[in-house]
């Protein structure tokens, strides 16, 4: 088991896992159809839903592992501002779906653009409305 964990440190292995996961998520999304979990709609096939979900989790793990090794302010700001992205990203996804209504190769690029669009929003909220991010300023009365 320790050997398997050490193999995961290899960049080539991680890249292979990332590409495999990305292709799996894409194919599951394409063949499973739309997923609307809030109304118990898991697509056309529950197995494809779970396979795509597991592949997406693995892909997120690999990307997170890579991002952890990069100590950059923008990455930290995105990490701190995920609540803002979560709260408002649906509007940009809706706009993206008007341009490309079906699951396609455009989706990963659209996701990246959505995150990049939110960077200045996160900076603005952090500076002017920090309580939206859970940051409270305590003023001492002296």
Protein backbone atom coordinates (compact mmCIF):
# COMPACT_ATOMS: atom_id res chain seq x y z
CA UNK A 1 0.00 0.00 0.00
CA UNK A 2 2.85 2.39 0.77
CA UNK A 3 4.26 1.75 -2.71
CA UNK A 4 0.93 2.73 -4.29
CA UNK A 5 0.96 6.03 -2.39
CA UNK A 6 4.52 6.71 -3.50
CA UNK A 7 3.55 6.08 -7.13
CA UNK A 8 0.96 8.81 -6.76
CA UNK A 9 3.82 11.28 -6.19
CA UNK A 10 5.00 10.77 -9.75
CA UNK A 11 3.98 13.68 -12.01
CA UNK A 12 3.41 11.39 -14.98
CA UNK A 13 1.10 9.18 -12.93
CA UNK A 14 -0.81 12.20 -11.63
CA UNK A 15 -1.15 13.59 -15.15
CA UNK A 16 -2.41 10.23 -16.40
CA UNK A 17 -4.98 10.10 -13.57
CA UNK A 18 -6.04 13.69 -14.29
CA UNK A 19 -6.56 13.10 -18.02
CA UNK A 20 -8.38 9.81 -17.40
CA UNK A 21 -10.66 11.48 -14.86
CA UNK A 22 -11.32 14.43 -17.17
CA UNK A 23 -12.27 12.14 -20.06
CA UNK A 24 -14.46 10.04 -17.75
CA UNK A 25 -16.29 13.10 -16.43
CA UNK A 26 -16.79 14.39 -19.96
CA UNK A 27 -18.13 11.07 -21.29
CA UNK A 28 -20.39 10.52 -18.28
CA UNK A 29 -21.77 14.03 -18.67
CA UNK A 30 -22.31 13.59 -22.38
CA UNK A 31 -24.07 10.21 -22.18
CA UNK A 32 -25.88 10.66 -18.87
CA UNK A 33 -27.65 13.87 -19.77
CA UNK A 34 -28.61 16.66 -17.40
CA UNK A 35 -28.28 16.23 -13.65
CA UNK A 36 -30.72 18.10 -11.41
CA UNK A 37 -30.09 16.74 -7.92
CA UNK A 38 -32.47 19.16 -6.24
CA UNK A 39 -35.38 17.37 -7.96
CA UNK A 40 -33.83 13.87 -7.77
CA UNK A 41 -32.79 13.96 -11.40
CA UNK A 42 -29.52 12.07 -11.71
CA UNK A 43 -29.48 11.82 -15.47
CA UNK A 44 -30.43 8.85 -17.57
CA UNK A 45 -28.24 6.36 -15.70
CA UNK A 46 -27.46 6.39 -11.98
CA UNK A 47 -24.26 4.34 -12.54
CA UNK A 48 -22.90 6.98 -14.94
CA UNK A 49 -23.82 9.62 -12.35
CA UNK A 50 -21.73 7.87 -9.67
CA UNK A 51 -18.82 7.05 -11.99
CA UNK A 52 -18.71 10.67 -13.15
CA UNK A 53 -18.91 11.88 -9.55
CA UNK A 54 -16.05 9.67 -8.42
CA UNK A 55 -13.94 10.67 -11.44
CA UNK A 56 -14.68 14.34 -10.71
CA UNK A 57 -13.63 13.88 -7.09
CA UNK A 58 -10.34 12.25 -8.15
CA UNK A 59 -9.75 15.03 -10.68
CA UNK A 60 -10.40 17.66 -7.99
CA UNK A 61 -7.99 15.86 -5.65
CA UNK A 62 -5.17 15.90 -8.22
CA UNK A 63 -5.73 19.55 -9.13
CA UNK A 64 -5.90 20.49 -5.43
CA UNK A 65 -2.65 18.65 -4.79
CA UNK A 66 -0.96 20.64 -7.58
CA UNK A 67 -2.41 23.95 -6.42
CA UNK A 68 -1.29 23.26 -2.84
CA UNK A 69 2.31 23.25 -4.00
CA UNK A 70 1.89 26.72 -5.55
CA UNK A 71 1.95 29.42 -2.91
CA UNK A 72 0.45 32.37 -4.76
CA UNK A 73 -1.87 35.11 -3.48
CA UNK A 74 -4.44 34.61 -6.25
CA UNK A 75 -4.86 30.93 -5.38
CA UNK A 76 -5.28 31.80 -1.71
CA UNK A 77 -7.80 34.51 -2.60
CA UNK A 78 -9.82 32.08 -4.74
CA UNK A 79 -9.72 29.57 -1.90
CA UNK A 80 -10.92 32.16 0.61
CA UNK A 81 -13.61 33.40 -1.77
CA UNK A 82 -15.19 30.10 -2.75
CA UNK A 83 -18.32 31.06 -0.81
CA UNK A 84 -18.74 34.06 -3.15
CA UNK A 85 -18.21 31.86 -6.22
CA UNK A 86 -20.67 29.29 -4.88
CA UNK A 87 -23.27 31.95 -4.22
CA UNK A 88 -23.20 33.62 -7.62
CA UNK A 89 -21.66 31.26 -10.19
CA UNK A 90 -25.05 29.98 -11.34
CA UNK A 91 -25.67 33.24 -13.21
CA UNK A 92 -22.53 32.77 -15.28
CA UNK A 93 -23.29 29.10 -15.85
CA UNK A 94 -26.74 30.12 -17.09
CA UNK A 95 -25.09 32.55 -19.52
CA UNK A 96 -22.69 29.82 -20.67
CA UNK A 97 -25.61 27.42 -21.27
CA UNK A 98 -27.26 30.01 -23.51
CA UNK A 99 -24.10 30.01 -25.66
CA UNK A 100 -23.51 26.22 -25.56
CA UNK A 101 -26.61 24.38 -24.25
CA UNK A 102 -25.17 20.85 -24.18
CA UNK A 103 -22.22 19.30 -22.38
CA UNK A 104 -19.15 19.90 -24.52
CA UNK A 105 -15.43 20.55 -24.53
CA UNK A 106 -16.26 24.20 -23.78
CA UNK A 107 -17.29 23.41 -20.17
CA UNK A 108 -13.80 23.16 -18.58
CA UNK A 109 -12.80 26.43 -20.25
CA UNK A 110 -16.04 28.08 -19.13
CA UNK A 111 -15.37 26.90 -15.56
CA UNK A 112 -11.89 28.41 -15.66
CA UNK A 113 -13.22 31.69 -17.04
CA UNK A 114 -15.91 31.81 -14.34
CA UNK A 115 -13.27 31.41 -11.62
CA UNK A 116 -11.08 34.09 -13.21
CA UNK A 117 -14.03 36.48 -13.50
CA UNK A 118 -14.66 36.11 -9.78
CA UNK A 119 -11.13 37.09 -8.69
CA UNK A 120 -11.80 40.86 -8.80
CA UNK A 121 -15.24 40.25 -7.26
CA UNK A 122 -13.59 38.39 -4.36
CA UNK A 123 -11.10 41.24 -3.89
CA UNK A 124 -13.94 43.78 -3.87
CA UNK A 125 -16.01 41.79 -1.38
CA UNK A 126 -12.99 41.14 0.83
CA UNK A 127 -12.23 44.86 0.97
CA UNK A 128 -15.72 46.38 1.15
CA UNK A 129 -18.17 43.69 2.30
CA UNK A 130 -16.02 41.19 4.24
CA UNK A 131 -18.92 39.77 6.25
CA UNK A 132 -20.16 38.07 3.05
CA UNK A 133 -17.02 35.94 3.24
CA UNK A 134 -17.42 35.30 6.95
CA UNK A 135 -14.80 37.86 7.91
CA UNK A 136 -15.88 40.02 10.82
CA UNK A 137 -13.99 43.08 11.92
CA UNK A 138 -13.88 43.51 15.66
CA UNK A 139 -13.41 47.07 16.76
CA UNK A 140 -12.12 47.55 20.26
CA UNK A 141 -13.71 50.28 22.27
CA UNK A 142 -11.00 52.08 24.15
